[in-house]
Protein backbone atom coordinates (compact mmCIF):
# COMPACT_ATOMS: atom_id res chain seq x y z
CA MET A 1 12.13 -8.63 15.09
CA PHE A 2 11.06 -6.80 11.90
CA LYS A 3 13.77 -5.08 9.86
CA SER A 4 11.79 -3.96 6.80
CA ILE A 5 8.14 -2.94 6.51
CA LEU A 6 6.00 -2.64 3.46
CA LEU A 7 2.95 -0.35 3.88
CA VAL A 8 0.35 -1.03 1.26
CA THR A 9 -2.03 1.84 0.95
CA ASP A 10 -4.74 3.73 -0.86
CA ASN A 11 -6.34 7.03 0.12
CA THR A 12 -8.71 5.68 2.82
CA ALA A 13 -9.05 6.41 6.54
CA GLN A 14 -8.08 2.73 7.20
CA SER A 15 -4.76 3.33 5.32
CA LEU A 16 -3.99 6.40 7.40
CA HIS A 17 -4.58 4.47 10.57
CA ALA A 18 -2.34 1.66 9.30
CA ALA A 19 0.35 4.19 8.46
CA ARG A 20 0.27 5.50 12.06
CA GLU A 21 0.46 1.99 13.46
CA ALA A 22 3.20 0.98 11.01
CA GLY A 23 5.16 4.01 11.99
CA ASN A 24 4.85 3.20 15.69
CA LEU A 25 6.02 -0.36 15.01
CA ALA A 26 8.90 0.83 12.84
CA ARG A 27 10.17 3.09 15.69
CA ALA A 28 9.73 0.40 18.25
CA MET A 29 11.58 -2.13 16.26
CA THR A 30 14.15 0.27 14.85
CA VAL A 31 13.54 -0.97 11.26
CA SER A 32 16.31 -0.39 8.66
CA HIS A 33 13.97 -0.06 5.62
CA PHE A 34 10.46 1.13 5.09
CA CYS A 35 8.48 1.25 1.83
CA ILE A 36 5.14 2.93 1.05
CA ALA A 37 3.34 1.27 -1.86
CA VAL A 38 0.37 3.24 -3.24
CA PHE A 39 -1.90 1.41 -5.73
CA TYR A 40 -4.20 3.44 -7.90
CA PRO A 41 -7.10 1.83 -9.78
CA GLN A 42 -6.38 0.08 -13.06
CA ILE A 43 -6.90 2.33 -16.05
CA PRO A 44 -9.14 0.79 -18.91
CA ARG A 45 -6.97 0.32 -21.92
CA PHE A 46 -9.93 1.02 -24.28
CA LEU A 47 -9.51 4.79 -23.48
CA GLY A 48 -6.78 4.96 -26.12
CA GLU A 49 -4.30 7.81 -26.68
CA PRO A 50 -4.06 10.57 -25.62
CA MET A 51 -6.77 10.06 -22.99
CA ILE A 52 -5.02 7.15 -21.33
CA ASP A 53 -1.92 9.39 -20.81
CA THR A 54 -4.05 12.07 -19.25
CA VAL A 55 -5.78 9.72 -16.89
CA THR A 56 -2.52 7.94 -15.97
CA SER A 57 -0.90 11.28 -15.24
CA ALA A 58 -3.81 12.34 -12.99
CA ARG A 59 -3.82 9.08 -11.08
CA VAL A 60 -0.08 9.10 -10.56
CA GLY A 61 -0.30 12.70 -9.28
CA GLU A 62 -3.11 11.68 -6.81
CA SER A 63 -1.04 8.71 -5.76
CA GLU A 64 2.07 10.80 -5.15
CA ALA A 65 -0.04 13.11 -2.92
CA THR A 66 -1.40 10.05 -0.99
CA ALA A 67 2.18 8.79 -0.57
CA GLN A 68 3.26 12.14 0.91
CA ALA A 69 0.17 12.12 3.23
CA MET A 70 1.14 8.62 4.36
CA HIS A 71 4.70 9.65 4.85
CA GLN A 72 3.67 12.51 7.14
CA GLU A 73 1.35 10.16 9.05
CA LEU A 74 4.25 7.87 9.71
CA GLY A 75 6.19 10.50 11.69
CA ILE A 76 9.87 10.43 12.07
CA LEU A 77 11.38 6.97 11.32
CA PRO A 78 14.83 5.49 12.02
CA CYS A 79 15.34 4.87 8.29
CA ALA A 80 14.79 6.22 4.88
CA VAL A 81 11.38 5.77 3.26
CA ASP A 82 10.97 4.40 -0.30
CA ILE A 83 7.82 5.24 -2.23
CA GLU A 84 6.38 2.97 -4.98
CA ILE A 85 3.39 4.10 -7.18
CA LEU A 86 1.74 1.19 -8.93
CA GLU A 87 -1.40 0.57 -11.07
CA GLY A 88 -3.82 -2.16 -10.24
CA PRO A 89 -5.64 -3.89 -7.48
CA GLY A 90 -2.40 -4.91 -5.68
CA HIS A 91 -1.61 -8.18 -7.43
CA GLY A 92 2.15 -7.20 -7.38
CA ILE A 93 2.42 -7.02 -3.56
CA SER A 94 4.20 -10.32 -3.09
CA GLN A 95 6.86 -9.39 -5.73
CA LEU A 96 7.19 -5.94 -4.22
CA CYS A 97 7.66 -7.53 -0.76
CA GLU A 98 10.53 -9.72 -2.11
CA THR A 99 12.10 -6.77 -3.97
CA HIS A 100 12.36 -4.69 -0.81
CA HIS A 101 13.18 -7.71 1.42
CA SER A 102 10.17 -6.84 3.60
CA ASP A 103 9.46 -8.99 6.58
CA LEU A 104 6.10 -7.41 7.39
CA ILE A 105 3.29 -6.05 5.24
CA ALA A 106 1.06 -3.42 6.89
CA MET A 107 -2.27 -2.28 5.44
CA GLY A 108 -5.67 -1.04 6.31
CA ALA A 109 -8.65 -3.34 6.22
CA SER A 110 -10.66 -3.22 3.03
CA SER A 111 -13.82 -1.22 3.12
CA LEU A 112 -15.89 -3.11 0.60
CA GLY A 113 -19.49 -3.61 1.36
CA THR A 114 -21.09 -7.06 1.66
CA PHE A 115 -22.38 -7.09 -1.82
CA ALA A 116 -19.10 -5.93 -3.42
CA HIS A 117 -17.19 -8.35 -1.14
CA LEU A 118 -19.17 -11.27 -2.66
CA PHE A 119 -18.13 -10.44 -6.20
CA HIS A 120 -14.65 -8.94 -5.82
CA GLY A 121 -13.28 -10.63 -2.75
CA ASP A 122 -11.21 -8.82 -0.17
CA LEU A 123 -7.61 -7.72 -1.16
CA SER A 124 -6.44 -7.94 2.45
CA GLU A 125 -7.66 -11.59 2.66
CA LYS A 126 -5.87 -12.41 -0.65
CA ILE A 127 -2.66 -10.87 0.63
CA VAL A 128 -2.86 -12.81 3.89
CA HIS A 129 -3.04 -16.04 1.97
CA GLN A 130 -0.35 -15.18 -0.59
CA ALA A 131 2.25 -13.33 1.50
CA LYS A 132 5.41 -15.19 2.64
CA CYS A 133 5.68 -12.85 5.63
CA PRO A 134 3.43 -11.66 8.47
CA VAL A 135 0.58 -9.23 7.43
CA LEU A 136 -0.68 -6.60 9.77
CA ILE A 137 -4.24 -5.56 8.93
CA VAL A 138 -5.38 -2.40 10.77
CA ARG A 139 -8.99 -1.44 11.15
């Protein structure tokens, strides 16, 4: 049924659980492509040089470590795994899904509190409404 899965992740317990479930699904469906997309928080542009380079480098390093942890959590898959490291709150997920020809997006449920949810919304809800393919949200 699914041939390509996009795992959208950050460094949360929900994301680790989503990685395990996406790995199980990938093995069961014998997918031909798997992509891990790690989003790190947007860096304020007012920091200026050279501080912005230092912060970017640190965030990319943390994101690479997160991607490796997610890759380990997936277990052995029947295909190669691509890794994408991206800045921002995940606005580019639809485009990334199209680029990788993903027919399923897997992600952990957002862990925003009620107050933050009122002001920022829920990323997983936004993705469900914008995605052109099924979205698996794991709690």
